[in-house]
Protein backbone atom coordinates (compact mmCIF):
# COMPACT_ATOMS: atom_id res chain seq x y z
CA MET A 1 0.80 8.32 -18.55
CA HIS A 2 -1.24 5.20 -17.68
CA VAL A 3 -1.68 6.51 -14.14
CA LEU A 4 -3.18 9.73 -15.52
CA ASN A 5 -5.55 7.66 -17.68
CA LEU A 6 -6.53 5.68 -14.59
CA ALA A 7 -7.19 9.01 -12.85
CA LYS A 8 -9.62 9.98 -15.64
CA GLU A 9 -11.42 6.66 -15.18
CA PHE A 10 -11.59 7.23 -11.41
CA GLU A 11 -13.06 10.69 -11.98
CA LYS A 12 -15.74 9.22 -14.27
CA ARG A 13 -16.59 6.64 -11.61
CA LYS A 14 -16.49 9.28 -8.84
CA VAL A 15 -13.70 7.46 -6.98
CA GLU A 16 -11.85 9.74 -4.57
CA PHE A 17 -8.09 9.54 -5.18
CA LYS A 18 -4.76 11.32 -5.06
CA ILE A 19 -1.67 10.54 -7.10
CA ILE A 20 1.69 11.00 -5.42
CA VAL A 21 4.62 11.50 -7.77
CA PRO A 22 8.14 12.75 -7.25
CA ARG A 23 9.24 16.09 -8.60
CA ARG A 24 11.53 16.07 -11.65
CA LYS A 25 11.54 19.78 -12.42
CA ILE A 26 11.48 22.89 -10.25
CA LYS A 27 8.07 23.94 -11.57
CA GLU A 28 5.49 21.21 -12.09
CA ASN A 29 1.73 21.18 -11.73
CA TYR A 30 -0.43 18.22 -12.70
CA GLY A 31 -3.69 19.33 -11.14
CA LYS A 32 -5.52 19.18 -7.85
CA ASN A 33 -5.32 15.41 -7.43
CA VAL A 34 -1.55 15.14 -7.89
CA ILE A 35 0.76 15.56 -4.91
CA LEU A 36 4.45 16.17 -5.55
CA LEU A 37 6.45 14.32 -2.90
CA GLY A 38 10.18 13.71 -3.10
CA THR A 39 12.61 14.23 -5.94
CA SER A 40 13.22 11.87 -8.85
CA PHE A 41 16.57 11.22 -10.49
CA PRO A 42 16.28 9.14 -13.70
CA LEU A 43 18.71 6.25 -13.78
CA ILE A 44 19.53 4.12 -16.82
CA TRP A 45 21.67 1.10 -15.99
CA GLY A 46 21.74 -2.65 -15.67
CA GLY A 47 19.53 -3.31 -18.68
CA GLY A 48 16.72 -0.92 -17.86
CA ALA A 49 15.55 2.47 -16.76
CA SER A 50 14.31 3.44 -13.34
CA ASP A 51 14.24 6.34 -10.94
CA LEU A 52 15.97 6.99 -7.69
CA VAL A 53 13.38 8.84 -5.65
CA PHE A 54 14.38 10.52 -2.42
CA ASN A 55 12.28 12.26 0.17
CA PHE A 56 15.00 14.56 1.49
CA ILE A 57 12.63 15.95 4.10
CA PRO A 58 11.17 12.77 5.65
CA ILE A 59 8.62 14.72 7.71
CA SER A 60 6.97 15.64 4.39
CA ILE A 61 5.83 12.00 4.12
CA GLU A 62 4.20 12.20 7.54
CA ARG A 63 2.57 15.54 6.74
CA CYS A 64 1.13 14.16 3.51
CA LEU A 65 -0.22 10.99 5.15
CA ILE A 66 -1.73 12.97 8.04
CA LYS A 67 -3.35 15.53 5.74
CA GLU A 68 -4.77 13.07 3.19
CA LYS A 69 -5.87 10.29 5.59
CA PHE A 70 -5.41 7.62 2.92
CA THR A 71 -7.10 4.26 3.33
CA ILE A 72 -5.16 2.69 0.44
CA LEU A 73 -1.62 3.32 -0.80
CA HIS A 74 -1.20 1.83 -4.28
CA PHE A 75 2.36 1.91 -5.60
CA HIS A 76 3.20 1.60 -9.29
CA ASN A 77 6.58 -0.08 -9.08
CA ALA A 78 8.82 0.45 -6.12
CA SER A 79 10.98 3.53 -6.51
CA PHE A 80 14.08 3.22 -4.37
CA PRO A 81 14.35 4.42 -1.62
CA SER A 82 11.05 6.36 -1.50
CA PHE A 83 8.93 3.17 -1.51
CA PHE A 84 10.69 2.06 1.67
CA GLN A 85 10.59 5.53 3.25
CA ILE A 86 6.81 5.69 2.82
CA LEU A 87 6.13 2.12 3.95
CA LEU A 88 8.28 2.56 7.04
CA SER A 89 6.19 5.52 8.15
CA PRO A 90 4.07 4.54 11.17
CA LEU A 91 1.08 6.09 9.37
CA SER A 92 1.36 3.58 6.50
CA PHE A 93 0.73 0.79 9.01
CA LYS A 94 -2.90 1.96 9.09
CA THR A 95 -3.45 1.76 5.33
CA THR A 96 -3.97 -1.06 2.86
CA ASN A 97 -0.76 -1.18 0.82
CA ILE A 98 -0.75 -2.55 -2.72
CA LEU A 99 2.09 -2.77 -5.25
CA THR A 100 1.61 -3.02 -8.99
CA PHE A 101 4.88 -4.42 -10.30
CA HIS A 102 5.73 -3.52 -13.90
CA SER A 103 9.45 -4.19 -14.00
CA ASP A 104 11.10 -6.82 -16.15
CA ILE A 105 13.89 -7.59 -13.74
CA GLU A 106 15.16 -10.53 -15.80
CA ARG A 107 17.13 -7.96 -17.79
CA SER A 108 18.75 -6.42 -14.71
CA ASN A 109 22.47 -7.12 -14.74
CA PHE A 110 22.64 -5.87 -11.14
CA LEU A 111 20.07 -8.40 -9.91
CA LYS A 112 21.75 -11.19 -11.87
CA LYS A 113 24.94 -10.46 -9.92
CA PHE A 114 23.19 -9.82 -6.59
CA PRO A 115 19.93 -11.84 -6.53
CA HIS A 116 19.72 -11.59 -2.74
CA PHE A 117 18.73 -7.94 -3.06
CA PHE A 118 15.45 -8.97 -4.64
CA GLU A 119 14.91 -11.63 -1.98
CA ILE A 120 15.30 -8.91 0.66
CA PHE A 121 12.84 -6.76 -1.30
CA VAL A 122 10.25 -9.58 -1.40
CA ASN A 123 10.72 -10.16 2.34
CA PHE A 124 10.07 -6.45 2.95
CA CYS A 125 6.97 -6.69 0.73
CA ASN A 126 5.73 -9.62 2.83
CA LEU A 127 6.03 -7.44 5.91
CA ARG A 128 4.51 -4.22 4.57
CA LEU A 129 2.23 -4.98 1.62
CA ASP A 130 -1.29 -6.35 1.71
CA GLY A 131 -1.38 -7.41 -1.92
CA LEU A 132 0.46 -7.45 -5.23
CA ILE A 133 -0.56 -6.94 -8.85
CA ALA A 134 1.87 -8.15 -11.51
CA VAL A 135 1.42 -6.95 -15.08
CA SER A 136 3.22 -9.92 -16.66
CA LYS A 137 4.07 -13.54 -15.93
CA VAL A 138 7.72 -12.48 -15.82
CA ALA A 139 6.97 -9.96 -13.06
CA LEU A 140 4.80 -12.44 -11.13
CA LYS A 141 7.45 -15.16 -11.27
CA TYR A 142 9.77 -13.15 -9.02
CA PHE A 143 7.13 -12.94 -6.31
CA GLU A 144 6.56 -16.67 -5.83
CA ASN A 145 7.66 -16.21 -2.19
CA PHE A 146 5.21 -13.36 -1.62
CA LYS A 147 2.76 -14.81 0.90
CA LYS A 148 -0.14 -12.39 0.56
CA PRO A 149 -2.77 -12.12 -2.19
CA LYS A 150 -1.31 -11.61 -5.64
CA VAL A 151 -2.87 -11.42 -9.05
CA LEU A 152 -1.72 -11.25 -12.65
CA ILE A 153 -3.41 -8.49 -14.65
CA PRO A 154 -1.74 -8.45 -18.09
CA ASN A 155 -0.53 -4.95 -18.91
CA GLY A 156 -2.14 -3.77 -15.68
CA VAL A 157 -5.59 -3.43 -17.26
CA ASP A 158 -8.59 -5.55 -16.32
CA LEU A 159 -10.10 -5.87 -19.80
CA GLU A 160 -13.46 -7.05 -18.46
CA ALA A 161 -13.87 -4.01 -16.22
CA PHE A 162 -12.64 -1.48 -18.78
CA ASN A 163 -14.08 -2.95 -21.98
CA PRO A 164 -16.35 -0.30 -23.55
CA LYS A 165 -18.53 -3.08 -25.00
CA ASN A 166 -19.41 -4.36 -21.51
CA LYS A 167 -22.41 -2.83 -19.76
CA LYS A 168 -21.59 -0.13 -17.23
CA ASN A 169 -23.53 -0.16 -13.97
C-alpha cells in the first residue's frame, strides 16, 4: 500500500516510474505503471511473514529491463530469490540499485539459528547495491558491515519532504 501512495506522490511531482511486483493471482491489474514480474508465494514462519518470489522464466527479467531502460532499481525489502535473480542480471549492472529494508529480522528464528545467511546477504548487497535505506534502527543495525551509503528514514518517510505544512517548490 505504501508503494502505491508513493506512486501517487511521484505522479504529482511528474516523476517517471514503474513499480514491479510479483503476481499473486491469475488476474491482476494495478494500472499502467505497475509491471507484474514473477510469482509470489506468501510464507509465514520464523517469527514473521514474507514472500518467496520466483521468476520462473528468467528471460522475463531481461525483457523487462531492456524494454523499460531503468536508471534506478529501488527494492522494497529483498524478496527471495527474485531480488538476487534481478540483481544478477547483466542489465542491472548498468542501473543504480537501492534497497529499502523494512524487515525486523531480530524476530527471525531462522536467522537466530543461521546468522551467517544474513552475513552472506550483506556481502551480496555490498557487491550489487549502491545504497541502502533502513526504516528503523533495528533494520539499520544489521547493515553495519554495508560499505556503501546508508541512511535511516524512520518508517520510510522523509517527514521534511512530505510534510504538507512545508512549502512546495
